[in-house]
C-alpha atoms as a PDB file:
ATOM      1  CA  MET A   1     -20.658  -3.485 -11.680  1.00  0.00           C
ATOM      2  CA  LEU A   2     -23.386  -3.129  -8.625  1.00  0.00           C
ATOM      3  CA  SER A   3     -26.581  -1.050  -9.291  1.00  0.00           C
ATOM      4  CA  ARG A   4     -26.514   0.260  -5.665  1.00  0.00           C
ATOM      5  CA  LYS A   5     -23.387   1.203  -2.734  1.00  0.00           C
ATOM      6  CA  VAL A   6     -23.117  -2.130  -0.841  1.00  0.00           C
ATOM      7  CA  ILE A   7     -21.393  -2.351   2.632  1.00  0.00           C
ATOM      8  CA  ALA A   8     -20.099  -5.680   3.429  1.00  0.00           C
ATOM      9  CA  THR A   9     -20.203  -6.224   7.176  1.00  0.00           C
ATOM     10  CA  HIS A  10     -19.040  -8.690   9.716  1.00  0.00           C
ATOM     11  CA  VAL A  11     -15.578  -9.320   7.387  1.00  0.00           C
ATOM     12  CA  THR A  12     -13.206 -11.395   9.851  1.00  0.00           C
ATOM     13  CA  ASN A  13     -11.564 -13.468   7.656  1.00  0.00           C
ATOM     14  CA  LEU A  14      -9.595 -13.402   4.199  1.00  0.00           C
ATOM     15  CA  THR A  15     -12.128 -15.318   2.285  1.00  0.00           C
ATOM     16  CA  ASP A  16     -14.834 -12.652   3.113  1.00  0.00           C
ATOM     17  CA  ALA A  17     -12.995 -10.143   2.097  1.00  0.00           C
ATOM     18  CA  ARG A  18     -11.097 -11.255  -1.371  1.00  0.00           C
ATOM     19  CA  TYR A  19     -14.973 -12.584  -2.182  1.00  0.00           C
ATOM     20  CA  PHE A  20     -16.398  -9.170  -1.362  1.00  0.00           C
ATOM     21  CA  ALA A  21     -13.781  -7.903  -3.397  1.00  0.00           C
ATOM     22  CA  ALA A  22     -14.227  -9.548  -6.354  1.00  0.00           C
ATOM     23  CA  ARG A  23     -18.274  -9.061  -6.689  1.00  0.00           C
ATOM     24  CA  GLY A  24     -17.681  -5.575  -6.694  1.00  0.00           C
ATOM     25  CA  VAL A  25     -18.899  -4.237  -3.084  1.00  0.00           C
ATOM     26  CA  ASP A  26     -17.743  -0.556  -2.420  1.00  0.00           C
ATOM     27  CA  TYR A  27     -16.898  -0.824   1.929  1.00  0.00           C
ATOM     28  CA  LEU A  28     -15.553  -3.457   3.893  1.00  0.00           C
ATOM     29  CA  LEU A  29     -16.501  -2.918   7.459  1.00  0.00           C
ATOM     30  CA  PHE A  30     -14.368  -3.991  10.020  1.00  0.00           C
ATOM     31  CA  ASP A  31     -15.664  -3.970  13.745  1.00  0.00           C
ATOM     32  CA  LEU A  32     -12.565  -4.025  15.742  1.00  0.00           C
ATOM     33  CA  ASP A  33     -14.789  -5.681  18.618  1.00  0.00           C
ATOM     34  CA  SER A  34     -14.708  -8.577  16.262  1.00  0.00           C
ATOM     35  CA  ILE A  35     -11.730  -8.696  14.601  1.00  0.00           C
ATOM     36  CA  SER A  36      -8.108  -7.606  15.821  1.00  0.00           C
ATOM     37  CA  LEU A  37      -6.309  -4.604  14.605  1.00  0.00           C
ATOM     38  CA  GLU A  38      -3.484  -6.889  12.940  1.00  0.00           C
ATOM     39  CA  LYS A  39      -5.969  -9.019  11.138  1.00  0.00           C
ATOM     40  CA  THR A  40      -7.192  -6.320   9.803  1.00  0.00           C
ATOM     41  CA  ILE A  41      -4.603  -4.341   8.357  1.00  0.00           C
ATOM     42  CA  GLU A  42      -3.500  -8.102   6.994  1.00  0.00           C
ATOM     43  CA  ILE A  43      -6.477  -8.432   5.305  1.00  0.00           C
ATOM     44  CA  LYS A  44      -6.382  -4.905   3.709  1.00  0.00           C
ATOM     45  CA  GLU A  45      -2.616  -5.701   2.374  1.00  0.00           C
ATOM     46  CA  TRP A  46      -4.791  -8.696  -0.153  1.00  0.00           C
ATOM     47  CA  VAL A  47      -7.471  -6.594  -0.981  1.00  0.00           C
ATOM     48  CA  GLU A  48      -8.052  -4.164  -3.711  1.00  0.00           C
ATOM     49  CA  GLY A  49     -11.056  -2.222  -4.688  1.00  0.00           C
ATOM     50  CA  PRO A  50     -13.331  -1.825  -1.829  1.00  0.00           C
ATOM     51  CA  GLU A  51     -12.787   0.896   0.691  1.00  0.00           C
ATOM     52  CA  ILE A  52     -12.315   0.343   4.554  1.00  0.00           C
ATOM     53  CA  MET A  53     -15.014   1.545   7.142  1.00  0.00           C
ATOM     54  CA  LEU A  54     -14.418   0.823  10.744  1.00  0.00           C
ATOM     55  CA  LEU A  55     -16.419   0.501  13.794  1.00  0.00           C
ATOM     56  CA  PHE A  56     -15.553   0.913  17.393  1.00  0.00           C
ATOM     57  CA  SER A  57     -16.961   0.300  20.849  1.00  0.00           C
ATOM     58  CA  GLU A  58     -15.367   1.792  24.405  1.00  0.00           C
ATOM     59  CA  GLN A  59     -13.465  -1.748  24.124  1.00  0.00           C
ATOM     60  CA  SER A  60     -11.476  -0.811  20.812  1.00  0.00           C
ATOM     61  CA  LEU A  61     -11.817   2.792  20.992  1.00  0.00           C
ATOM     62  CA  PRO A  62      -7.858   2.934  22.347  1.00  0.00           C
ATOM     63  CA  LEU A  63      -7.333   1.600  18.709  1.00  0.00           C
ATOM     64  CA  LEU A  64      -8.882   4.314  17.401  1.00  0.00           C
ATOM     65  CA  ASP A  65      -5.708   6.592  16.171  1.00  0.00           C
ATOM     66  CA  GLU A  66      -3.672   3.756  15.435  1.00  0.00           C
ATOM     67  CA  ALA A  67      -6.373   2.441  13.121  1.00  0.00           C
ATOM     68  CA  ILE A  68      -6.565   5.617  11.275  1.00  0.00           C
ATOM     69  CA  ILE A  69      -2.851   5.546  10.729  1.00  0.00           C
ATOM     70  CA  LYS A  70      -2.630   2.345   9.715  1.00  0.00           C
ATOM     71  CA  LEU A  71      -5.932   1.456   7.764  1.00  0.00           C
ATOM     72  CA  SER A  72      -7.210   4.832   6.171  1.00  0.00           C
ATOM     73  CA  PRO A  73     -10.563   4.154   6.223  1.00  0.00           C
ATOM     74  CA  VAL A  74     -12.731   6.302   4.525  1.00  0.00           C
ATOM     75  CA  ALA A  75     -14.908   6.259   7.258  1.00  0.00           C
ATOM     76  CA  ILE A  76     -15.575   5.347  11.297  1.00  0.00           C
ATOM     77  CA  SER A  77     -18.551   5.002  13.646  1.00  0.00           C
ATOM     78  CA  GLY A  78     -19.041   4.059  16.890  1.00  0.00           C
ATOM     79  CA  LYS A  79     -21.563   1.723  18.755  1.00  0.00           C
ATOM     80  CA  GLU A  80     -22.318   3.745  21.596  1.00  0.00           C
ATOM     81  CA  ALA A  81     -23.133   7.609  22.096  1.00  0.00           C
ATOM     82  CA  GLY A  82     -19.875   8.130  23.614  1.00  0.00           C
ATOM     83  CA  VAL A  83     -17.616   6.454  21.415  1.00  0.00           C
ATOM     84  CA  ILE A  84     -19.240   8.783  18.881  1.00  0.00           C
ATOM     85  CA  ALA A  85     -18.332  11.793  21.030  1.00  0.00           C
ATOM     86  CA  GLU A  86     -14.715  10.812  21.336  1.00  0.00           C
ATOM     87  CA  MET A  87     -14.378  10.249  17.781  1.00  0.00           C
ATOM     88  CA  ALA A  88     -15.656  14.154  17.053  1.00  0.00           C
ATOM     89  CA  HIS A  89     -12.282  15.306  16.622  1.00  0.00           C
ATOM     90  CA  MET A  90     -10.761  12.817  14.546  1.00  0.00           C
ATOM     91  CA  SER A  91     -13.551  14.401  11.688  1.00  0.00           C
ATOM     92  CA  ALA A  92     -11.151  16.355   9.958  1.00  0.00           C
ATOM     93  CA  HIS A  93      -8.961  13.755   8.918  1.00  0.00           C
ATOM     94  CA  VAL A  94     -12.057  10.897   8.291  1.00  0.00           C
ATOM     95  CA  ASN A  95     -15.656  10.654   8.187  1.00  0.00           C
ATOM     96  CA  ILE A  96     -18.046   9.776  10.752  1.00  0.00           C
ATOM     97  CA  PHE A  97     -20.873   7.778   9.731  1.00  0.00           C
ATOM     98  CA  LYS A  98     -24.304   7.255  11.588  1.00  0.00           C
ATOM     99  CA  TRP A  99     -24.395   3.346  12.640  1.00  0.00           C
ATOM    100  CA  THR A 100     -27.357   0.984  14.013  1.00  0.00           C
ATOM    101  CA  GLU A 101     -27.789  -2.636  13.544  1.00  0.00           C
ATOM    102  CA  GLU A 102     -30.121  -2.145  10.816  1.00  0.00           C
ATOM    103  CA  ARG A 103     -29.131   0.906   8.972  1.00  0.00           C
ATOM    104  CA  PHE A 104     -26.553   3.112   8.191  1.00  0.00           C
ATOM    105  CA  GLU A 105     -26.225   6.839   7.083  1.00  0.00           C
ATOM    106  CA  TYR A 106     -23.259   7.817   4.724  1.00  0.00           C
ATOM    107  CA  ASP A 107     -21.978   9.174   2.002  1.00  0.00           C
ATOM    108  CA  ASP A 108     -25.971  11.273   1.682  1.00  0.00           C
ATOM    109  CA  ARG A 109     -27.274   7.540   1.510  1.00  0.00           C
ATOM    110  CA  ASP A 110     -29.197   5.391   3.994  1.00  0.00           C
ATOM    111  CA  PHE A 111     -27.864   2.071   3.757  1.00  0.00           C
ATOM    112  CA  PHE A 112     -30.309  -0.788   4.890  1.00  0.00           C
ATOM    113  CA  VAL A 113     -29.376  -4.735   6.008  1.00  0.00           C
ATOM    114  CA  LEU A 114     -30.502  -6.978   3.241  1.00  0.00           C
ATOM    115  CA  LYS A 115     -30.729 -10.768   4.732  1.00  0.00           C
ATOM    116  CA  SER A 116     -32.420 -11.996   1.242  1.00  0.00           C
ATOM    117  CA  SER A 117     -32.952 -11.186  -2.295  1.00  0.00           C
ATOM    118  CA  ASP A 118     -36.735 -10.412  -1.521  1.00  0.00           C
ATOM    119  CA  GLN A 119     -35.708  -7.604   0.545  1.00  0.00           C
ATOM    120  CA  LEU A 120     -34.123  -5.780  -2.286  1.00  0.00           C
ATOM    121  CA  ALA A 121     -37.936  -4.605  -3.252  1.00  0.00           C
ATOM    122  CA  THR A 122     -37.995  -2.705   0.090  1.00  0.00           C
ATOM    123  CA  LEU A 123     -35.119  -0.490  -1.292  1.00  0.00           C
ATOM    124  CA  THR A 124     -36.159   3.051  -2.574  1.00  0.00           C
ATOM    125  CA  GLN A 125     -33.681   4.465  -5.565  1.00  0.00           C
ATOM    126  CA  GLY A 126     -30.982   5.935  -3.846  1.00  0.00           C
ATOM    127  CA  ASP A 127     -30.989   3.589  -0.802  1.00  0.00           C
ATOM    128  CA  GLY A 128     -27.521   1.436  -0.375  1.00  0.00           C
ATOM    129  CA  ALA A 129     -27.260  -2.095   0.652  1.00  0.00           C
ATOM    130  CA  ILE A 130     -25.996  -3.701   3.628  1.00  0.00           C
ATOM    131  CA  ILE A 131     -24.806  -7.283   3.187  1.00  0.00           C
ATOM    132  CA  SER A 132     -22.714  -9.539   5.929  1.00  0.00           C
ATOM    133  CA  GLY A 133     -20.296 -12.004   6.192  1.00  0.00           C
ATOM    134  CA  GLY A 134     -19.433 -14.790   8.580  1.00  0.00           C
ATOM    135  CA  GLU A 135     -17.450 -17.599  10.024  1.00  0.00           C
ATOM    136  CA  GLU A 136     -15.219 -20.034   7.332  1.00  0.00           C
ATOM    137  CA  GLU A 137     -16.661 -23.729   7.236  1.00  0.00           C
ATOM    138  CA  ALA A 138     -12.590 -24.097   7.517  1.00  0.00           C
ATOM    139  CA  VAL A 139     -10.101 -21.971   6.663  1.00  0.00           C
ATOM    140  CA  GLY A 140     -10.566 -20.860   2.949  1.00  0.00           C
ATOM    141  CA  VAL A 141     -13.731 -22.791   2.784  1.00  0.00           C
ATOM    142  CA  LYS A 142     -17.531 -20.895   2.368  1.00  0.00           C
ATOM    143  CA  ALA A 143     -20.288 -21.597   1.083  1.00  0.00           C
ATOM    144  CA  PHE A 144     -21.316 -17.427  -0.403  1.00  0.00           C
ATOM    145  CA  ASP A 145     -25.200 -18.787  -1.951  1.00  0.00           C
ATOM    146  CA  MET A 146     -27.148 -16.589  -0.588  1.00  0.00           C
ATOM    147  CA  LEU A 147     -24.797 -13.331  -1.178  1.00  0.00           C
ATOM    148  CA  ASP A 148     -24.306 -14.630  -4.668  1.00  0.00           C
ATOM    149  CA  GLU A 149     -28.415 -14.287  -5.042  1.00  0.00           C
ATOM    150  CA  ILE A 150     -28.367 -10.862  -3.571  1.00  0.00           C
ATOM    151  CA  LEU A 151     -25.321  -9.900  -5.415  1.00  0.00           C
ATOM    152  CA  ASP A 152     -26.709 -11.057  -8.680  1.00  0.00           C
ATOM    153  CA  GLN A 153     -29.856  -9.094  -8.345  1.00  0.00           C
ATOM    154  CA  LEU A 154     -27.484  -5.892  -7.841  1.00  0.00           C
ATOM    155  CA  GLU A 155     -25.631  -6.199 -11.093  1.00  0.00           C
ATOM    156  CA  SER A 156     -27.089  -4.595 -13.890  1.00  0.00           C
END
């Protein structure tokens, strides 16, 4: 079990999603500019455990209603202020989290991007961690050494 809440971002393939679920992360964040809604739905069907979070831009905003119906995310956010304003009508149905490239605010806690295990010491007691997936070397093939190091230290 992880000692902090963890959001896995940049999830674009089943390999990452299954790895993160097996390691016990709390949330998988899908940026609908980086992955299609169809592929996100497919990945969700194969993974149990983490809750789904979605990130939208002006480009992906037309998918908002369909994505909420088909994915039942725990929270959503927008990359631009105008997108967040467009989402306001959804606040009765889904949580809206605050997002920047380096920090999220969700569930009364701050989440910070970790790129190495050395950064764990900079987190305060209630902070959560953000870790990132990435491209596969080939379908189903990927090295997780750096992520293993971070998640090993978060286990306690």
